Amino acid sequence: KNQAARTSTSDPFCFPRGGPPLTPSEAMSTMPADSLSKEQKDELLCTYAALILHDDGAEITQQAMTNLIKAANCTVESYWPMLMTKMINTMGMDALIKMGSGGGGGGGGGGGGGAPAAGGA
């Protein structure tokens, strides 16, 4: 229900004012980048680089992430791409995306009040 309320606006990048409280990951995405710490910016840059590489079907390597970050005219501490690629190689990009998405839409829910069960009324 909360997700439906958050996506009811015509602009997919805006949350309605007065809506349900944001989760920490949603709150992070609403913060201006210049209010983030250097570590938060580095992590976010590496996350975006990994997502771009994954979306393009490219191999996610330290060098590929570093090249993409440099092409965006940005820099990160040299350990960030190494940490991110190690985590991606250990857990898998698809699993990490699912973890960060808040668990998806869930199941289809219970059946409606349709026909009675066999042998019923």
PDB file of N, CA and C in Angstrom:
ATOM      1  N   LYS A   1       0.827  -1.188   0.000  1.00  0.00           N
ATOM      2  CA  LYS A   1       0.000   0.000   0.000  1.00  0.00           C
ATOM      3  C   LYS A   1       0.874   1.255   0.000  1.00  0.00           C
ATOM      4  N   ASN A   2       1.945   1.267   0.820  1.00  0.00           N
ATOM      5  CA  ASN A   2       2.824   2.433   0.849  1.00  0.00           C
ATOM      6  C   ASN A   2       3.421   2.702  -0.523  1.00  0.00           C
ATOM      7  N   GLN A   3       3.842   1.642  -1.221  1.00  0.00           N
ATOM      8  CA  GLN A   3       4.461   1.817  -2.533  1.00  0.00           C
ATOM      9  C   GLN A   3       3.468   2.440  -3.507  1.00  0.00           C
ATOM     10  N   ALA A   4       2.228   2.008  -3.472  1.00  0.00           N
ATOM     11  CA  ALA A   4       1.220   2.566  -4.371  1.00  0.00           C
ATOM     12  C   ALA A   4       1.018   4.053  -4.087  1.00  0.00           C
ATOM     13  N   ALA A   5       1.028   4.425  -2.815  1.00  0.00           N
ATOM     14  CA  ALA A   5       0.848   5.833  -2.462  1.00  0.00           C
ATOM     15  C   ALA A   5       2.019   6.669  -2.950  1.00  0.00           C
ATOM     16  N   ARG A   6       3.208   6.107  -2.939  1.00  0.00           N
ATOM     17  CA  ARG A   6       4.392   6.848  -3.339  1.00  0.00           C
ATOM     18  C   ARG A   6       4.502   7.009  -4.845  1.00  0.00           C
ATOM     19  N   THR A   7       3.892   6.124  -5.603  1.00  0.00           N
ATOM     20  CA  THR A   7       4.018   6.191  -7.053  1.00  0.00           C
ATOM     21  C   THR A   7       2.760   6.748  -7.709  1.00  0.00           C
ATOM     22  N   SER A   8       1.839   7.286  -6.916  1.00  0.00           N
ATOM     23  CA  SER A   8       0.583   7.760  -7.488  1.00  0.00           C
ATOM     24  C   SER A   8       0.716   9.103  -8.196  1.00  0.00           C
ATOM     25  N   THR A   9       1.837   9.787  -8.019  1.00  0.00           N
ATOM     26  CA  THR A   9       2.042  11.067  -8.679  1.00  0.00           C
ATOM     27  C   THR A   9       2.401  10.851 -10.147  1.00  0.00           C
ATOM     28  N   SER A  10       2.132  11.828 -10.979  1.00  0.00           N
ATOM     29  CA  SER A  10       2.444  11.695 -12.399  1.00  0.00           C
ATOM     30  C   SER A  10       3.947  11.771 -12.659  1.00  0.00           C
ATOM     31  N   ASP A  11       4.714  12.370 -11.762  1.00  0.00           N
ATOM     32  CA  ASP A  11       6.164  12.466 -11.913  1.00  0.00           C
ATOM     33  C   ASP A  11       6.809  11.329 -11.126  1.00  0.00           C
ATOM     34  N   PRO A  12       7.439  10.356 -11.806  1.00  0.00           N
ATOM     35  CA  PRO A  12       7.987   9.198 -11.098  1.00  0.00           C
ATOM     36  C   PRO A  12       9.160   9.547 -10.195  1.00  0.00           C
ATOM     37  N   PHE A  13       9.712  10.753 -10.289  1.00  0.00           N
ATOM     38  CA  PHE A  13      10.847  11.119  -9.464  1.00  0.00           C
ATOM     39  C   PHE A  13      10.441  11.930  -8.242  1.00  0.00           C
ATOM     40  N   CYS A  14       9.163  12.169  -8.060  1.00  0.00           N
ATOM     41  CA  CYS A  14       8.693  12.968  -6.932  1.00  0.00           C
ATOM     42  C   CYS A  14       7.804  12.128  -6.035  1.00  0.00           C
ATOM     43  N   PHE A  15       7.935  12.346  -4.745  1.00  0.00           N
ATOM     44  CA  PHE A  15       7.055  11.706  -3.781  1.00  0.00           C
ATOM     45  C   PHE A  15       6.031  12.736  -3.334  1.00  0.00           C
ATOM     46  N   PRO A  16       4.802  12.325  -3.169  1.00  0.00           N
ATOM     47  CA  PRO A  16       3.783  13.286  -2.744  1.00  0.00           C
ATOM     48  C   PRO A  16       4.089  13.826  -1.349  1.00  0.00           C
ATOM     49  N   ARG A  17       3.869  15.110  -1.162  1.00  0.00           N
ATOM     50  CA  ARG A  17       4.071  15.708   0.168  1.00  0.00           C
ATOM     51  C   ARG A  17       3.004  15.167   1.113  1.00  0.00           C
ATOM     52  N   GLY A  18       3.417  14.951   2.357  1.00  0.00           N
ATOM     53  CA  GLY A  18       2.478  14.451   3.347  1.00  0.00           C
ATOM     54  C   GLY A  18       2.222  12.963   3.221  1.00  0.00           C
ATOM     55  N   GLY A  19       2.962  12.289   2.334  1.00  0.00           N
ATOM     56  CA  GLY A  19       2.801  10.854   2.162  1.00  0.00           C
ATOM     57  C   GLY A  19       3.468  10.086   3.286  1.00  0.00           C
ATOM     58  N   PRO A  20       3.577   8.779   3.138  1.00  0.00           N
ATOM     59  CA  PRO A  20       4.185   7.956   4.180  1.00  0.00           C
ATOM     60  C   PRO A  20       5.660   8.300   4.350  1.00  0.00           C
ATOM     61  N   PRO A  21       6.234   8.013   5.517  1.00  0.00           N
ATOM     62  CA  PRO A  21       7.647   8.316   5.730  1.00  0.00           C
ATOM     63  C   PRO A  21       8.522   7.544   4.754  1.00  0.00           C
ATOM     64  N   LEU A  22       9.633   8.146   4.373  1.00  0.00           N
ATOM     65  CA  LEU A  22      10.561   7.511   3.447  1.00  0.00           C
ATOM     66  C   LEU A  22      11.460   6.530   4.178  1.00  0.00           C
ATOM     67  N   THR A  23      11.832   5.459   3.496  1.00  0.00           N
ATOM     68  CA  THR A  23      12.824   4.540   4.038  1.00  0.00           C
ATOM     69  C   THR A  23      14.185   5.214   3.935  1.00  0.00           C
ATOM     70  N   PRO A  24      15.220   4.703   4.660  1.00  0.00           N
ATOM     71  CA  PRO A  24      16.543   5.333   4.569  1.00  0.00           C
ATOM     72  C   PRO A  24      17.071   5.421   3.138  1.00  0.00           C
ATOM     73  N   SER A  25      16.874   4.383   2.320  1.00  0.00           N
ATOM     74  CA  SER A  25      17.374   4.450   0.948  1.00  0.00           C
ATOM     75  C   SER A  25      16.594   5.463   0.116  1.00  0.00           C
ATOM     76  N   GLU A  26      15.309   5.613   0.371  1.00  0.00           N
ATOM     77  CA  GLU A  26      14.528   6.622  -0.332  1.00  0.00           C
ATOM     78  C   GLU A  26      14.938   8.021   0.119  1.00  0.00           C
ATOM     79  N   ALA A  27      15.184   8.182   1.410  1.00  0.00           N
ATOM     80  CA  ALA A  27      15.605   9.481   1.931  1.00  0.00           C
ATOM     81  C   ALA A  27      16.948   9.871   1.336  1.00  0.00           C
ATOM     82  N   MET A  28      17.852   8.908   1.187  1.00  0.00           N
ATOM     83  CA  MET A  28      19.163   9.182   0.603  1.00  0.00           C
ATOM     84  C   MET A  28      19.005   9.691  -0.819  1.00  0.00           C
ATOM     85  N   SER A  29      18.080   9.124  -1.567  1.00  0.00           N
ATOM     86  CA  SER A  29      17.927   9.520  -2.965  1.00  0.00           C
ATOM     87  C   SER A  29      17.306  10.907  -3.109  1.00  0.00           C
ATOM     88  N   THR A  30      16.752  11.453  -2.054  1.00  0.00           N
ATOM     89  CA  THR A  30      16.168  12.786  -2.124  1.00  0.00           C
ATOM     90  C   THR A  30      17.116  13.868  -1.643  1.00  0.00           C
ATOM     91  N   MET A  31      18.295  13.472  -1.154  1.00  0.00           N
ATOM     92  CA  MET A  31      19.272  14.439  -0.642  1.00  0.00           C
ATOM     93  C   MET A  31      20.071  15.036  -1.792  1.00  0.00           C
ATOM     94  N   PRO A  32      20.334  16.332  -1.748  1.00  0.00           N
ATOM     95  CA  PRO A  32      21.228  16.918  -2.763  1.00  0.00           C
ATOM     96  C   PRO A  32      22.624  16.302  -2.632  1.00  0.00           C
ATOM     97  N   ALA A  33      23.255  16.057  -3.749  1.00  0.00           N
ATOM     98  CA  ALA A  33      24.567  15.402  -3.735  1.00  0.00           C
ATOM     99  C   ALA A  33      25.596  16.192  -2.944  1.00  0.00           C
ATOM    100  N   ASP A  34      25.496  17.513  -2.950  1.00  0.00           N
ATOM    101  CA  ASP A  34      26.500  18.299  -2.223  1.00  0.00           C
ATOM    102  C   ASP A  34      26.337  18.233  -0.709  1.00  0.00           C
ATOM    103  N   SER A  35      25.256  17.624  -0.226  1.00  0.00           N
ATOM    104  CA  SER A  35      25.089  17.451   1.215  1.00  0.00           C
ATOM    105  C   SER A  35      25.618  16.108   1.701  1.00  0.00           C
ATOM    106  N   LEU A  36      26.079  15.257   0.770  1.00  0.00           N
ATOM    107  CA  LEU A  36      26.625  13.950   1.130  1.00  0.00           C
ATOM    108  C   LEU A  36      28.084  14.077   1.538  1.00  0.00           C
ATOM    109  N   SER A  37      28.528  13.162   2.405  1.00  0.00           N
ATOM    110  CA  SER A  37      29.935  13.117   2.773  1.00  0.00           C
ATOM    111  C   SER A  37      30.743  12.572   1.595  1.00  0.00           C
ATOM    112  N   LYS A  38      32.048  12.728   1.644  1.00  0.00           N
ATOM    113  CA  LYS A  38      32.925  12.209   0.579  1.00  0.00           C
ATOM    114  C   LYS A  38      32.738  10.703   0.442  1.00  0.00           C
ATOM    115  N   GLU A  39      32.671   9.980   1.559  1.00  0.00           N
ATOM    116  CA  GLU A  39      32.477   8.523   1.503  1.00  0.00           C
ATOM    117  C   GLU A  39      31.148   8.161   0.856  1.00  0.00           C
ATOM    118  N   GLN A  40      30.087   8.893   1.196  1.00  0.00           N
ATOM    119  CA  GLN A  40      28.780   8.622   0.604  1.00  0.00           C
ATOM    120  C   GLN A  40      28.793   8.891  -0.900  1.00  0.00           C
ATOM    121  N   LYS A  41      29.455   9.967  -1.315  1.00  0.00           N
ATOM    122  CA  LYS A  41      29.554  10.272  -2.744  1.00  0.00           C
ATOM    123  C   LYS A  41      30.337   9.189  -3.474  1.00  0.00           C
ATOM    124  N   ASP A  42      31.452   8.745  -2.876  1.00  0.00           N
ATOM    125  CA  ASP A  42      32.263   7.696  -3.500  1.00  0.00           C
ATOM    126  C   ASP A  42      31.460   6.412  -3.665  1.00  0.00           C
ATOM    127  N   GLU A  43      30.737   6.038  -2.624  1.00  0.00           N
ATOM    128  CA  GLU A  43      29.920   4.824  -2.687  1.00  0.00           C
ATOM    129  C   GLU A  43      28.834   4.969  -3.743  1.00  0.00           C
ATOM    130  N   LEU A  44      28.203   6.121  -3.803  1.00  0.00           N
ATOM    131  CA  LEU A  44      27.146   6.360  -4.781  1.00  0.00           C
ATOM    132  C   LEU A  44      27.691   6.331  -6.206  1.00  0.00           C
ATOM    133  N   LEU A  45      28.855   6.946  -6.428  1.00  0.00           N
ATOM    134  CA  LEU A  45      29.481   6.916  -7.757  1.00  0.00           C
ATOM    135  C   LEU A  45      29.787   5.483  -8.183  1.00  0.00           C
ATOM    136  N   CYS A  46      30.323   4.687  -7.276  1.00  0.00           N
ATOM    137  CA  CYS A  46      30.629   3.291  -7.605  1.00  0.00           C
ATOM    138  C   CYS A  46      29.356   2.488  -7.855  1.00  0.00           C
ATOM    139  N   THR A  47      28.324   2.773  -7.093  1.00  0.00           N
ATOM    140  CA  THR A  47      27.046   2.092  -7.296  1.00  0.00           C
ATOM    141  C   THR A  47      26.484   2.416  -8.680  1.00  0.00           C
ATOM    142  N   TYR A  48      26.493   3.699  -9.036  1.00  0.00           N
ATOM    143  CA  TYR A  48      26.010   4.090 -10.362  1.00  0.00           C
ATOM    144  C   TYR A  48      26.861   3.469 -11.463  1.00  0.00           C
ATOM    145  N   ALA A  49      28.173   3.468 -11.291  1.00  0.00           N
ATOM    146  CA  ALA A  49      29.055   2.883 -12.308  1.00  0.00           C
ATOM    147  C   ALA A  49      28.742   1.395 -12.480  1.00  0.00           C
ATOM    148  N   ALA A  50      28.572   0.679 -11.370  1.00  0.00           N
ATOM    149  CA  ALA A  50      28.257  -0.747 -11.442  1.00  0.00           C
ATOM    150  C   ALA A  50      26.915  -0.979 -12.124  1.00  0.00           C
ATOM    151  N   LEU A  51      25.925  -0.160 -11.803  1.00  0.00           N
ATOM    152  CA  LEU A  51      24.610  -0.303 -12.432  1.00  0.00           C
ATOM    153  C   LEU A  51      24.664  -0.022 -13.926  1.00  0.00           C
ATOM    154  N   ILE A  52      25.425   0.981 -14.318  1.00  0.00           N
ATOM    155  CA  ILE A  52      25.564   1.292 -15.743  1.00  0.00           C
ATOM    156  C   ILE A  52      26.232   0.140 -16.476  1.00  0.00           C
ATOM    157  N   LEU A  53      27.318  -0.373 -15.914  1.00  0.00           N
ATOM    158  CA  LEU A  53      28.023  -1.499 -16.543  1.00  0.00           C
ATOM    159  C   LEU A  53      27.107  -2.718 -16.633  1.00  0.00           C
ATOM    160  N   HIS A  54      26.391  -2.992 -15.555  1.00  0.00           N
ATOM    161  CA  HIS A  54      25.473  -4.136 -15.539  1.00  0.00           C
ATOM    162  C   HIS A  54      24.375  -3.961 -16.591  1.00  0.00           C
ATOM    163  N   ASP A  55      23.816  -2.769 -16.668  1.00  0.00           N
ATOM    164  CA  ASP A  55      22.750  -2.490 -17.632  1.00  0.00           C
ATOM    165  C   ASP A  55      23.237  -2.640 -19.070  1.00  0.00           C
ATOM    166  N   ASP A  56      24.506  -2.284 -19.306  1.00  0.00           N
ATOM    167  CA  ASP A  56      25.091  -2.420 -20.645  1.00  0.00           C
ATOM    168  C   ASP A  56      25.539  -3.845 -20.952  1.00  0.00           C
ATOM    169  N   GLY A  57      25.489  -4.728 -19.960  1.00  0.00           N
ATOM    170  CA  GLY A  57      25.938  -6.104 -20.166  1.00  0.00           C
ATOM    171  C   GLY A  57      27.450  -6.224 -20.157  1.00  0.00           C
ATOM    172  N   ALA A  58      28.133  -5.201 -19.664  1.00  0.00           N
ATOM    173  CA  ALA A  58      29.599  -5.210 -19.615  1.00  0.00           C
ATOM    174  C   ALA A  58      30.061  -5.890 -18.327  1.00  0.00           C
ATOM    175  N   GLU A  59      31.283  -6.382 -18.353  1.00  0.00           N
ATOM    176  CA  GLU A  59      31.867  -6.984 -17.155  1.00  0.00           C
ATOM    177  C   GLU A  59      32.136  -5.876 -16.134  1.00  0.00           C
ATOM    178  N   ILE A  60      31.787  -6.138 -14.893  1.00  0.00           N
ATOM    179  CA  ILE A  60      31.979  -5.148 -13.828  1.00  0.00           C
ATOM    180  C   ILE A  60      33.326  -5.427 -13.173  1.00  0.00           C
ATOM    181  N   THR A  61      34.320  -4.632 -13.557  1.00  0.00           N
ATOM    182  CA  THR A  61      35.674  -4.770 -13.025  1.00  0.00           C
ATOM    183  C   THR A  61      36.091  -3.443 -12.384  1.00  0.00           C
ATOM    184  N   GLN A  62      37.162  -3.522 -11.573  1.00  0.00           N
ATOM    185  CA  GLN A  62      37.700  -2.307 -10.973  1.00  0.00           C
ATOM    186  C   GLN A  62      38.041  -1.285 -12.045  1.00  0.00           C
ATOM    187  N   GLN A  63      38.723  -1.745 -13.092  1.00  0.00           N
ATOM    188  CA  GLN A  63      39.169  -0.830 -14.133  1.00  0.00           C
ATOM    189  C   GLN A  63      38.000  -0.230 -14.892  1.00  0.00           C
ATOM    190  N   ALA A  64      36.988  -1.036 -15.188  1.00  0.00           N
ATOM    191  CA  ALA A  64      35.823  -0.526 -15.905  1.00  0.00           C
ATOM    192  C   ALA A  64      35.092   0.523 -15.067  1.00  0.00           C
ATOM    193  N   MET A  65      34.953   0.263 -13.767  1.00  0.00           N
ATOM    194  CA  MET A  65      34.300   1.232 -12.889  1.00  0.00           C
ATOM    195  C   MET A  65      35.114   2.516 -12.807  1.00  0.00           C
ATOM    196  N   THR A  66      36.416   2.385 -12.630  1.00  0.00           N
ATOM    197  CA  THR A  66      37.294   3.549 -12.539  1.00  0.00           C
ATOM    198  C   THR A  66      37.240   4.370 -13.818  1.00  0.00           C
ATOM    199  N   ASN A  67      37.290   3.700 -14.969  1.00  0.00           N
ATOM    200  CA  ASN A  67      37.219   4.404 -16.250  1.00  0.00           C
ATOM    201  C   ASN A  67      35.908   5.168 -16.397  1.00  0.00           C
ATOM    202  N   LEU A  68      34.809   4.545 -16.007  1.00  0.00           N
ATOM    203  CA  LEU A  68      33.498   5.190 -16.123  1.00  0.00           C
ATOM    204  C   LEU A  68      33.402   6.394 -15.183  1.00  0.00           C
ATOM    205  N   ILE A  69      33.904   6.245 -13.982  1.00  0.00           N
ATOM    206  CA  ILE A  69      33.888   7.347 -13.016  1.00  0.00           C
ATOM    207  C   ILE A  69      34.745   8.505 -13.516  1.00  0.00           C
ATOM    208  N   LYS A  70      35.922   8.186 -14.061  1.00  0.00           N
ATOM    209  CA  LYS A  70      36.792   9.235 -14.617  1.00  0.00           C
ATOM    210  C   LYS A  70      36.141   9.907 -15.820  1.00  0.00           C
ATOM    211  N   ALA A  71      35.444   9.130 -16.649  1.00  0.00           N
ATOM    212  CA  ALA A  71      34.766   9.693 -17.822  1.00  0.00           C
ATOM    213  C   ALA A  71      33.669  10.663 -17.407  1.00  0.00           C
ATOM    214  N   ALA A  72      33.134  10.469 -16.200  1.00  0.00           N
ATOM    215  CA  ALA A  72      32.115  11.379 -15.675  1.00  0.00           C
ATOM    216  C   ALA A  72      32.754  12.580 -14.983  1.00  0.00           C
ATOM    217  N   ASN A  73      34.080  12.676 -15.111  1.00  0.00           N
ATOM    218  CA  ASN A  73      34.841  13.771 -14.505  1.00  0.00           C
ATOM    219  C   ASN A  73      34.743  13.765 -12.979  1.00  0.00           C
ATOM    220  N   CYS A  74      34.731  12.555 -12.408  1.00  0.00           N
ATOM    221  CA  CYS A  74      34.657  12.390 -10.962  1.00  0.00           C
ATOM    222  C   CYS A  74      35.834  11.541 -10.493  1.00  0.00           C
ATOM    223  N   THR A  75      36.053  11.535  -9.209  1.00  0.00           N
ATOM    224  CA  THR A  75      37.084  10.683  -8.621  1.00  0.00           C
ATOM    225  C   THR A  75      36.534  10.041  -7.357  1.00  0.00           C
ATOM    226  N   VAL A  76      37.063   8.867  -7.041  1.00  0.00           N
ATOM    227  CA  VAL A  76      36.742   8.184  -5.791  1.00  0.00           C
ATOM    228  C   VAL A  76      38.048   7.666  -5.201  1.00  0.00           C
ATOM    229  N   GLU A  77      38.020   7.396  -3.902  1.00  0.00           N
ATOM    230  CA  GLU A  77      39.180   6.770  -3.281  1.00  0.00           C
ATOM    231  C   GLU A  77      39.409   5.431  -3.980  1.00  0.00           C
ATOM    232  N   SER A  78      40.668   5.088  -4.175  1.00  0.00           N
ATOM    233  CA  SER A  78      41.007   3.922  -5.005  1.00  0.00           C
ATOM    234  C   SER A  78      40.484   2.596  -4.457  1.00  0.00           C
ATOM    235  N   TYR A  79      40.188   2.518  -3.175  1.00  0.00           N
ATOM    236  CA  TYR A  79      39.705   1.255  -2.611  1.00  0.00           C
ATOM    237  C   TYR A  79      38.231   0.982  -2.912  1.00  0.00           C
ATOM    238  N   TRP A  80      37.455   2.011  -3.251  1.00  0.00           N
ATOM    239  CA  TRP A  80      36.021   1.814  -3.481  1.00  0.00           C
ATOM    240  C   TRP A  80      35.714   0.869  -4.649  1.00  0.00           C
ATOM    241  N   PRO A  81      36.281   1.065  -5.842  1.00  0.00           N
ATOM    242  CA  PRO A  81      35.973   0.119  -6.922  1.00  0.00           C
ATOM    243  C   PRO A  81      36.372  -1.321  -6.568  1.00  0.00           C
ATOM    244  N   MET A  82      37.500  -1.484  -5.848  1.00  0.00           N
ATOM    245  CA  MET A  82      37.922  -2.823  -5.436  1.00  0.00           C
ATOM    246  C   MET A  82      36.892  -3.449  -4.500  1.00  0.00           C
ATOM    247  N   LEU A  83      36.436  -2.689  -3.506  1.00  0.00           N
ATOM    248  CA  LEU A  83      35.439  -3.213  -2.569  1.00  0.00           C
ATOM    249  C   LEU A  83      34.132  -3.558  -3.272  1.00  0.00           C
ATOM    250  N   MET A  84      33.702  -2.674  -4.144  1.00  0.00           N
ATOM    251  CA  MET A  84      32.437  -2.908  -4.838  1.00  0.00           C
ATOM    252  C   MET A  84      32.512  -4.127  -5.752  1.00  0.00           C
ATOM    253  N   THR A  85      33.598  -4.253  -6.505  1.00  0.00           N
ATOM    254  CA  THR A  85      33.695  -5.407  -7.412  1.00  0.00           C
ATOM    255  C   THR A  85      33.832  -6.706  -6.626  1.00  0.00           C
ATOM    256  N   LYS A  86      34.506  -6.661  -5.493  1.00  0.00           N
ATOM    257  CA  LYS A  86      34.608  -7.869  -4.659  1.00  0.00           C
ATOM    258  C   LYS A  86      33.225  -8.274  -4.151  1.00  0.00           C
ATOM    259  N   MET A  87      32.440  -7.304  -3.701  1.00  0.00           N
ATOM    260  CA  MET A  87      31.090  -7.591  -3.219  1.00  0.00           C
ATOM    261  C   MET A  87      30.217  -8.109  -4.362  1.00  0.00           C
ATOM    262  N   ILE A  88      30.315  -7.478  -5.524  1.00  0.00           N
ATOM    263  CA  ILE A  88      29.504  -7.908  -6.675  1.00  0.00           C
ATOM    264  C   ILE A  88      29.874  -9.324  -7.098  1.00  0.00           C
ATOM    265  N   ASN A  89      31.169  -9.628  -7.128  1.00  0.00           N
ATOM    266  CA  ASN A  89      31.608 -10.974  -7.518  1.00  0.00           C
ATOM    267  C   ASN A  89      31.195 -12.018  -6.489  1.00  0.00           C
ATOM    268  N   THR A  90      31.131 -11.638  -5.224  1.00  0.00           N
ATOM    269  CA  THR A  90      30.750 -12.570  -4.164  1.00  0.00           C
ATOM    270  C   THR A  90      29.247 -12.814  -4.144  1.00  0.00           C
ATOM    271  N   MET A  91      28.463 -11.756  -4.235  1.00  0.00           N
ATOM    272  CA  MET A  91      27.016 -11.864  -4.055  1.00  0.00           C
ATOM    273  C   MET A  91      26.229 -11.917  -5.353  1.00  0.00           C
ATOM    274  N   GLY A  92      26.773 -11.364  -6.412  1.00  0.00           N
ATOM    275  CA  GLY A  92      26.055 -11.294  -7.681  1.00  0.00           C
ATOM    276  C   GLY A  92      25.275  -9.996  -7.786  1.00  0.00           C
ATOM    277  N   MET A  93      25.364  -9.369  -8.928  1.00  0.00           N
ATOM    278  CA  MET A  93      24.723  -8.064  -9.130  1.00  0.00           C
ATOM    279  C   MET A  93      23.206  -8.150  -8.998  1.00  0.00           C
ATOM    280  N   ASP A  94      22.601  -9.190  -9.554  1.00  0.00           N
ATOM    281  CA  ASP A  94      21.143  -9.312  -9.481  1.00  0.00           C
ATOM    282  C   ASP A  94      20.670  -9.417  -8.038  1.00  0.00           C
ATOM    283  N   ALA A  95      21.400 -10.177  -7.213  1.00  0.00           N
ATOM    284  CA  ALA A  95      21.033 -10.312  -5.800  1.00  0.00           C
ATOM    285  C   ALA A  95      21.157  -8.976  -5.076  1.00  0.00           C
ATOM    286  N   LEU A  96      22.198  -8.223  -5.390  1.00  0.00           N
ATOM    287  CA  LEU A  96      22.380  -6.917  -4.751  1.00  0.00           C
ATOM    288  C   LEU A  96      21.287  -5.940  -5.163  1.00  0.00           C
ATOM    289  N   ILE A  97      20.893  -5.982  -6.413  1.00  0.00           N
ATOM    290  CA  ILE A  97      19.818  -5.103  -6.881  1.00  0.00           C
ATOM    291  C   ILE A  97      18.520  -5.442  -6.153  1.00  0.00           C
ATOM    292  N   LYS A  98      18.241  -6.728  -6.010  1.00  0.00           N
ATOM    293  CA  LYS A  98      17.020  -7.131  -5.309  1.00  0.00           C
ATOM    294  C   LYS A  98      17.053  -6.706  -3.851  1.00  0.00           C
ATOM    295  N   MET A  99      18.214  -6.800  -3.203  1.00  0.00           N
ATOM    296  CA  MET A  99      18.332  -6.367  -1.806  1.00  0.00           C
ATOM    297  C   MET A  99      18.075  -4.880  -1.666  1.00  0.00           C
ATOM    298  N   GLY A 100      18.598  -4.101  -2.577  1.00  0.00           N
ATOM    299  CA  GLY A 100      18.453  -2.652  -2.502  1.00  0.00           C
ATOM    300  C   GLY A 100      17.094  -2.148  -2.909  1.00  0.00           C
ATOM    301  N   SER A 101      16.297  -2.987  -3.534  1.00  0.00           N
ATOM    302  CA  SER A 101      15.011  -2.523  -4.034  1.00  0.00           C
ATOM    303  C   SER A 101      13.902  -2.601  -3.002  1.00  0.00           C
ATOM    304  N   GLY A 102      14.182  -3.113  -1.839  1.00  0.00           N
ATOM    305  CA  GLY A 102      13.156  -3.191  -0.810  1.00  0.00           C
ATOM    306  C   GLY A 102      12.311  -4.443  -0.898  1.00  0.00           C
ATOM    307  N   GLY A 103      12.745  -5.431  -1.656  1.00  0.00           N
ATOM    308  CA  GLY A 103      12.064  -6.709  -1.645  1.00  0.00           C
ATOM    309  C   GLY A 103      11.042  -6.931  -2.735  1.00  0.00           C
ATOM    310  N   GLY A 104      10.862  -6.013  -3.619  1.00  0.00           N
ATOM    311  CA  GLY A 104       9.945  -6.245  -4.732  1.00  0.00           C
ATOM    312  C   GLY A 104       8.482  -6.094  -4.330  1.00  0.00           C
ATOM    313  N   GLY A 105       7.612  -6.553  -5.195  1.00  0.00           N
ATOM    314  CA  GLY A 105       6.180  -6.338  -5.013  1.00  0.00           C
ATOM    315  C   GLY A 105       5.479  -7.376  -4.191  1.00  0.00           C
ATOM    316  N   GLY A 106       6.154  -8.440  -3.791  1.00  0.00           N
ATOM    317  CA  GLY A 106       5.505  -9.462  -2.979  1.00  0.00           C
ATOM    318  C   GLY A 106       4.646 -10.376  -3.835  1.00  0.00           C
ATOM    319  N   GLY A 107       3.944 -11.256  -3.177  1.00  0.00           N
ATOM    320  CA  GLY A 107       3.122 -12.237  -3.872  1.00  0.00           C
ATOM    321  C   GLY A 107       1.824 -11.646  -4.357  1.00  0.00           C
ATOM    322  N   GLY A 108       1.050 -12.489  -4.980  1.00  0.00           N
ATOM    323  CA  GLY A 108      -0.202 -12.044  -5.556  1.00  0.00           C
ATOM    324  C   GLY A 108      -1.306 -11.866  -4.539  1.00  0.00           C
ATOM    325  N   GLY A 109      -1.075 -12.252  -3.289  1.00  0.00           N
ATOM    326  CA  GLY A 109      -2.100 -12.096  -2.259  1.00  0.00           C
ATOM    327  C   GLY A 109      -3.068 -13.263  -2.279  1.00  0.00           C
ATOM    328  N   GLY A 110      -3.952 -13.268  -1.343  1.00  0.00           N
ATOM    329  CA  GLY A 110      -4.929 -14.341  -1.236  1.00  0.00           C
ATOM    330  C   GLY A 110      -5.953 -14.278  -2.342  1.00  0.00           C
ATOM    331  N   GLY A 111      -6.617 -15.395  -2.576  1.00  0.00           N
ATOM    332  CA  GLY A 111      -7.648 -15.450  -3.602  1.00  0.00           C
ATOM    333  C   GLY A 111      -8.858 -14.622  -3.202  1.00  0.00           C
ATOM    334  N   GLY A 112      -9.582 -14.207  -4.174  1.00  0.00           N
ATOM    335  CA  GLY A 112     -10.778 -13.415  -3.918  1.00  0.00           C
ATOM    336  C   GLY A 112     -11.907 -14.288  -3.382  1.00  0.00           C
ATOM    337  N   GLY A 113     -13.054 -13.737  -3.270  1.00  0.00           N
ATOM    338  CA  GLY A 113     -14.209 -14.457  -2.730  1.00  0.00           C
ATOM    339  C   GLY A 113     -14.976 -15.174  -3.818  1.00  0.00           C
ATOM    340  N   GLY A 114     -14.310 -15.670  -4.840  1.00  0.00           N
ATOM    341  CA  GLY A 114     -14.958 -16.305  -5.987  1.00  0.00           C
ATOM    342  C   GLY A 114     -15.807 -17.506  -5.615  1.00  0.00           C
ATOM    343  N   ALA A 115     -15.691 -18.553  -6.377  1.00  0.00           N
ATOM    344  CA  ALA A 115     -16.511 -19.748  -6.209  1.00  0.00           C
ATOM    345  C   ALA A 115     -16.195 -20.455  -4.895  1.00  0.00           C
ATOM    346  N   PRO A 116     -17.186 -21.106  -4.285  1.00  0.00           N
ATOM    347  CA  PRO A 116     -16.929 -21.826  -3.044  1.00  0.00           C
ATOM    348  C   PRO A 116     -16.051 -23.033  -3.312  1.00  0.00           C
ATOM    349  N   ALA A 117     -15.348 -23.488  -2.264  1.00  0.00           N
ATOM    350  CA  ALA A 117     -14.485 -24.665  -2.382  1.00  0.00           C
ATOM    351  C   ALA A 117     -15.321 -25.878  -2.747  1.00  0.00           C
ATOM    352  N   ALA A 118     -14.638 -26.874  -3.322  1.00  0.00           N
ATOM    353  CA  ALA A 118     -15.324 -28.101  -3.720  1.00  0.00           C
ATOM    354  C   ALA A 118     -16.077 -28.678  -2.528  1.00  0.00           C
ATOM    355  N   GLY A 119     -17.306 -29.069  -2.752  1.00  0.00           N
ATOM    356  CA  GLY A 119     -18.119 -29.636  -1.681  1.00  0.00           C
ATOM    357  C   GLY A 119     -18.761 -28.591  -0.810  1.00  0.00           C
ATOM    358  N   GLY A 120     -18.480 -27.311  -1.106  1.00  0.00           N
ATOM    359  CA  GLY A 120     -19.056 -26.238  -0.283  1.00  0.00           C
ATOM    360  C   GLY A 120     -20.436 -25.862  -0.768  1.00  0.00           C
ATOM    361  N   ALA A 121     -20.987 -24.877  -0.177  1.00  0.00           N
ATOM    362  CA  ALA A 121     -22.344 -24.416  -0.436  1.00  0.00           C
ATOM    363  C   ALA A 121     -22.592 -24.441  -1.871  1.00  0.00           C
TER     364      ALA A 121
END
